[in-house]
Amino acid sequence: MLRYKRFWEKVTSSITTVQDRIDTTCDLQPEMWGWQLSSGRLDPCTTDLPPAPELLLKMIRCNCKSDCRSKCCTCRKHGLE
């Protein structure tokens, strides 16, 4: 709660202006950016692509300082070695 209170104080005392409306002159089409219009509402499109290139997924590894045997470590749960 203290963290939220400090955040709120910072936001309310901010000198910068926050844009509170959407610019109506924007001509971007949601259908061209991963959304599809169905039944009058926009739904996100799913993809068959992997989340990242395979080489990058192989480079991700555990960064724990322990040997990952305790139940606190979630490396094995997520399949990291």
N, C-alpha and C. Protein backbone atom coordinates (compact mmCIF):
# COMPACT_ATOMS: atom_id res chain seq x y z
N MET A 1 0.82 -1.19 0.00
CA MET A 1 0.00 0.00 0.00
C MET A 1 0.87 1.26 0.00
N LEU A 2 1.99 1.20 0.72
CA LEU A 2 2.90 2.34 0.76
C LEU A 2 3.46 2.64 -0.63
N ARG A 3 3.76 1.59 -1.38
CA ARG A 3 4.29 1.78 -2.72
C ARG A 3 3.27 2.49 -3.61
N TYR A 4 2.01 2.07 -3.52
CA TYR A 4 0.95 2.69 -4.31
C TYR A 4 0.77 4.15 -3.90
N LYS A 5 0.83 4.42 -2.59
CA LYS A 5 0.66 5.79 -2.10
C LYS A 5 1.76 6.69 -2.64
N ARG A 6 3.00 6.20 -2.62
CA ARG A 6 4.11 7.00 -3.16
C ARG A 6 3.95 7.21 -4.66
N PHE A 7 3.52 6.18 -5.36
CA PHE A 7 3.28 6.30 -6.80
C PHE A 7 2.22 7.35 -7.06
N TRP A 8 1.12 7.29 -6.33
CA TRP A 8 0.01 8.22 -6.53
C TRP A 8 0.45 9.66 -6.24
N GLU A 9 1.24 9.86 -5.19
CA GLU A 9 1.74 11.19 -4.88
C GLU A 9 2.63 11.71 -6.01
N LYS A 10 3.44 10.84 -6.57
CA LYS A 10 4.32 11.23 -7.67
C LYS A 10 3.52 11.60 -8.91
N VAL A 11 2.49 10.81 -9.21
CA VAL A 11 1.68 11.07 -10.40
C VAL A 11 0.89 12.36 -10.24
N THR A 12 0.27 12.56 -9.09
CA THR A 12 -0.55 13.76 -8.90
C THR A 12 0.27 15.03 -8.80
N SER A 13 1.54 14.92 -8.45
CA SER A 13 2.38 16.11 -8.36
C SER A 13 3.20 16.34 -9.63
N SER A 14 2.98 15.51 -10.62
CA SER A 14 3.76 15.59 -11.85
C SER A 14 3.42 16.87 -12.62
N ILE A 15 4.43 17.46 -13.20
CA ILE A 15 4.24 18.68 -13.98
C ILE A 15 3.88 18.34 -15.43
N THR A 16 4.25 17.17 -15.88
CA THR A 16 4.00 16.80 -17.27
C THR A 16 2.51 16.59 -17.52
N THR A 17 2.13 16.77 -18.75
CA THR A 17 0.74 16.61 -19.15
C THR A 17 0.51 15.19 -19.63
N VAL A 18 -0.62 14.63 -19.29
CA VAL A 18 -0.98 13.29 -19.72
C VAL A 18 -2.06 13.42 -20.79
N GLN A 19 -1.87 12.73 -21.90
CA GLN A 19 -2.87 12.76 -22.96
C GLN A 19 -4.06 11.92 -22.51
N ASP A 20 -5.23 12.53 -22.46
CA ASP A 20 -6.40 11.84 -21.94
C ASP A 20 -7.43 11.51 -23.01
N ARG A 21 -7.06 11.63 -24.26
CA ARG A 21 -7.98 11.27 -25.34
C ARG A 21 -7.18 10.68 -26.50
N ILE A 22 -7.89 10.01 -27.36
CA ILE A 22 -7.26 9.42 -28.54
C ILE A 22 -7.39 10.40 -29.70
N ASP A 23 -6.32 10.60 -30.39
CA ASP A 23 -6.33 11.50 -31.53
C ASP A 23 -7.23 10.92 -32.62
N THR A 24 -8.24 11.66 -33.03
CA THR A 24 -9.18 11.16 -34.03
C THR A 24 -8.63 11.22 -35.44
N THR A 25 -7.49 11.87 -35.64
CA THR A 25 -6.91 11.93 -36.98
C THR A 25 -6.04 10.72 -37.28
N CYS A 26 -5.90 9.81 -36.34
CA CYS A 26 -5.08 8.62 -36.53
C CYS A 26 -5.78 7.69 -37.52
N ASP A 27 -5.08 7.28 -38.56
CA ASP A 27 -5.70 6.43 -39.58
C ASP A 27 -5.14 5.01 -39.60
N LEU A 28 -4.62 4.53 -38.47
CA LEU A 28 -4.12 3.16 -38.39
C LEU A 28 -5.29 2.19 -38.32
N GLN A 29 -5.21 1.12 -39.08
CA GLN A 29 -6.25 0.10 -39.09
C GLN A 29 -5.87 -1.02 -38.14
N PRO A 30 -6.71 -1.35 -37.15
CA PRO A 30 -6.38 -2.41 -36.21
C PRO A 30 -6.20 -3.77 -36.89
N GLU A 31 -6.90 -3.97 -38.00
CA GLU A 31 -6.80 -5.24 -38.71
C GLU A 31 -5.41 -5.47 -39.30
N MET A 32 -4.65 -4.40 -39.49
CA MET A 32 -3.30 -4.51 -40.03
C MET A 32 -2.27 -4.72 -38.93
N TRP A 33 -2.70 -4.72 -37.67
CA TRP A 33 -1.77 -4.79 -36.54
C TRP A 33 -2.13 -5.92 -35.58
N GLY A 34 -2.64 -7.04 -36.11
CA GLY A 34 -2.85 -8.22 -35.29
C GLY A 34 -4.22 -8.34 -34.64
N TRP A 35 -5.19 -7.61 -35.12
CA TRP A 35 -6.54 -7.69 -34.58
C TRP A 35 -7.51 -8.05 -35.70
N GLN A 36 -8.61 -8.71 -35.34
CA GLN A 36 -9.64 -9.02 -36.33
C GLN A 36 -10.99 -8.55 -35.79
N LEU A 37 -11.81 -8.03 -36.68
CA LEU A 37 -13.13 -7.54 -36.31
C LEU A 37 -14.13 -8.67 -36.46
N SER A 38 -14.78 -9.04 -35.36
CA SER A 38 -15.80 -10.09 -35.41
C SER A 38 -16.93 -9.74 -34.45
N SER A 39 -18.13 -9.78 -34.96
CA SER A 39 -19.33 -9.45 -34.18
C SER A 39 -19.27 -8.04 -33.59
N GLY A 40 -18.70 -7.12 -34.34
CA GLY A 40 -18.64 -5.74 -33.90
C GLY A 40 -17.60 -5.44 -32.83
N ARG A 41 -16.70 -6.38 -32.57
CA ARG A 41 -15.65 -6.12 -31.58
C ARG A 41 -14.32 -6.61 -32.12
N LEU A 42 -13.25 -6.06 -31.57
CA LEU A 42 -11.90 -6.44 -32.00
C LEU A 42 -11.37 -7.55 -31.11
N ASP A 43 -10.89 -8.62 -31.75
CA ASP A 43 -10.30 -9.74 -31.05
C ASP A 43 -8.87 -9.91 -31.54
N PRO A 44 -7.93 -10.26 -30.65
CA PRO A 44 -6.55 -10.47 -31.09
C PRO A 44 -6.43 -11.72 -31.96
N CYS A 45 -5.59 -11.66 -32.97
CA CYS A 45 -5.33 -12.81 -33.84
C CYS A 45 -4.27 -13.69 -33.18
N THR A 46 -4.46 -14.98 -33.29
CA THR A 46 -3.46 -15.91 -32.78
C THR A 46 -2.44 -16.20 -33.88
N THR A 47 -1.31 -16.72 -33.49
CA THR A 47 -0.25 -17.00 -34.46
C THR A 47 0.33 -18.39 -34.23
N ASP A 48 0.89 -18.96 -35.26
CA ASP A 48 1.57 -20.24 -35.17
C ASP A 48 3.08 -20.06 -35.05
N LEU A 49 3.54 -18.83 -35.05
CA LEU A 49 4.98 -18.56 -34.98
C LEU A 49 5.50 -18.84 -33.57
N PRO A 50 6.74 -19.26 -33.44
CA PRO A 50 7.33 -19.47 -32.11
C PRO A 50 7.51 -18.13 -31.39
N PRO A 51 7.60 -18.12 -30.06
CA PRO A 51 7.74 -16.87 -29.33
C PRO A 51 9.06 -16.15 -29.59
N ALA A 52 10.08 -16.90 -29.98
CA ALA A 52 11.40 -16.34 -30.28
C ALA A 52 12.13 -17.31 -31.19
N PRO A 53 13.18 -16.87 -31.89
CA PRO A 53 13.96 -17.79 -32.71
C PRO A 53 14.54 -18.93 -31.85
N GLU A 54 14.66 -20.10 -32.44
CA GLU A 54 15.13 -21.29 -31.72
C GLU A 54 16.52 -21.08 -31.11
N LEU A 55 17.39 -20.39 -31.81
CA LEU A 55 18.73 -20.11 -31.30
C LEU A 55 18.67 -19.30 -30.00
N LEU A 56 17.79 -18.31 -29.96
CA LEU A 56 17.64 -17.50 -28.75
C LEU A 56 17.06 -18.32 -27.60
N LEU A 57 16.11 -19.18 -27.89
CA LEU A 57 15.53 -20.03 -26.84
C LEU A 57 16.57 -20.98 -26.25
N LYS A 58 17.54 -21.40 -27.06
CA LYS A 58 18.59 -22.28 -26.56
C LYS A 58 19.61 -21.53 -25.71
N MET A 59 19.73 -20.22 -25.92
CA MET A 59 20.68 -19.42 -25.15
C MET A 59 20.16 -19.08 -23.76
N ILE A 60 18.85 -19.11 -23.57
CA ILE A 60 18.28 -18.80 -22.26
C ILE A 60 18.62 -19.91 -21.30
N ARG A 61 19.15 -19.56 -20.13
CA ARG A 61 19.54 -20.58 -19.17
C ARG A 61 19.27 -20.07 -17.76
N CYS A 62 19.39 -20.98 -16.83
CA CYS A 62 19.18 -20.68 -15.42
C CYS A 62 20.30 -19.77 -14.92
N ASN A 63 19.96 -18.80 -14.12
CA ASN A 63 20.95 -17.88 -13.57
C ASN A 63 21.00 -17.96 -12.05
N CYS A 64 20.51 -19.06 -11.48
CA CYS A 64 20.46 -19.21 -10.03
C CYS A 64 21.86 -19.39 -9.45
N LYS A 65 21.99 -18.97 -8.20
CA LYS A 65 23.27 -19.14 -7.51
C LYS A 65 23.31 -20.46 -6.77
N SER A 66 22.16 -21.09 -6.57
CA SER A 66 22.12 -22.39 -5.89
C SER A 66 22.16 -23.50 -6.93
N ASP A 67 22.02 -24.73 -6.48
CA ASP A 67 22.05 -25.86 -7.40
C ASP A 67 20.66 -26.25 -7.91
N CYS A 68 19.66 -25.43 -7.65
CA CYS A 68 18.30 -25.59 -8.16
C CYS A 68 17.61 -26.85 -7.64
N ARG A 69 17.96 -27.31 -6.47
CA ARG A 69 17.32 -28.50 -5.92
C ARG A 69 16.20 -28.15 -4.94
N SER A 70 16.15 -26.92 -4.47
CA SER A 70 15.11 -26.55 -3.50
C SER A 70 13.80 -26.28 -4.22
N LYS A 71 12.72 -26.27 -3.45
CA LYS A 71 11.41 -26.02 -4.03
C LYS A 71 11.20 -24.53 -4.33
N CYS A 72 12.10 -23.69 -3.85
CA CYS A 72 12.00 -22.25 -4.12
C CYS A 72 12.41 -21.94 -5.57
N CYS A 73 13.26 -22.74 -6.13
CA CYS A 73 13.75 -22.52 -7.48
C CYS A 73 12.73 -23.06 -8.48
N THR A 74 12.36 -22.25 -9.46
CA THR A 74 11.37 -22.67 -10.45
C THR A 74 12.00 -22.99 -11.80
N CYS A 75 13.32 -23.09 -11.84
CA CYS A 75 14.01 -23.35 -13.11
C CYS A 75 13.57 -24.67 -13.73
N ARG A 76 13.55 -25.71 -12.94
CA ARG A 76 13.17 -27.02 -13.48
C ARG A 76 11.71 -27.04 -13.87
N LYS A 77 10.89 -26.33 -13.11
CA LYS A 77 9.46 -26.26 -13.42
C LYS A 77 9.25 -25.65 -14.81
N HIS A 78 10.07 -24.66 -15.15
CA HIS A 78 9.94 -23.99 -16.45
C HIS A 78 10.80 -24.64 -17.53
N GLY A 79 11.48 -25.71 -17.21
CA GLY A 79 12.25 -26.45 -18.20
C GLY A 79 13.62 -25.88 -18.49
N LEU A 80 14.15 -25.02 -17.63
CA LEU A 80 15.49 -24.49 -17.84
C LEU A 80 16.52 -25.42 -17.23
N GLU A 81 17.71 -25.42 -17.80
CA GLU A 81 18.79 -26.27 -17.29
C GLU A 81 19.93 -25.43 -16.78
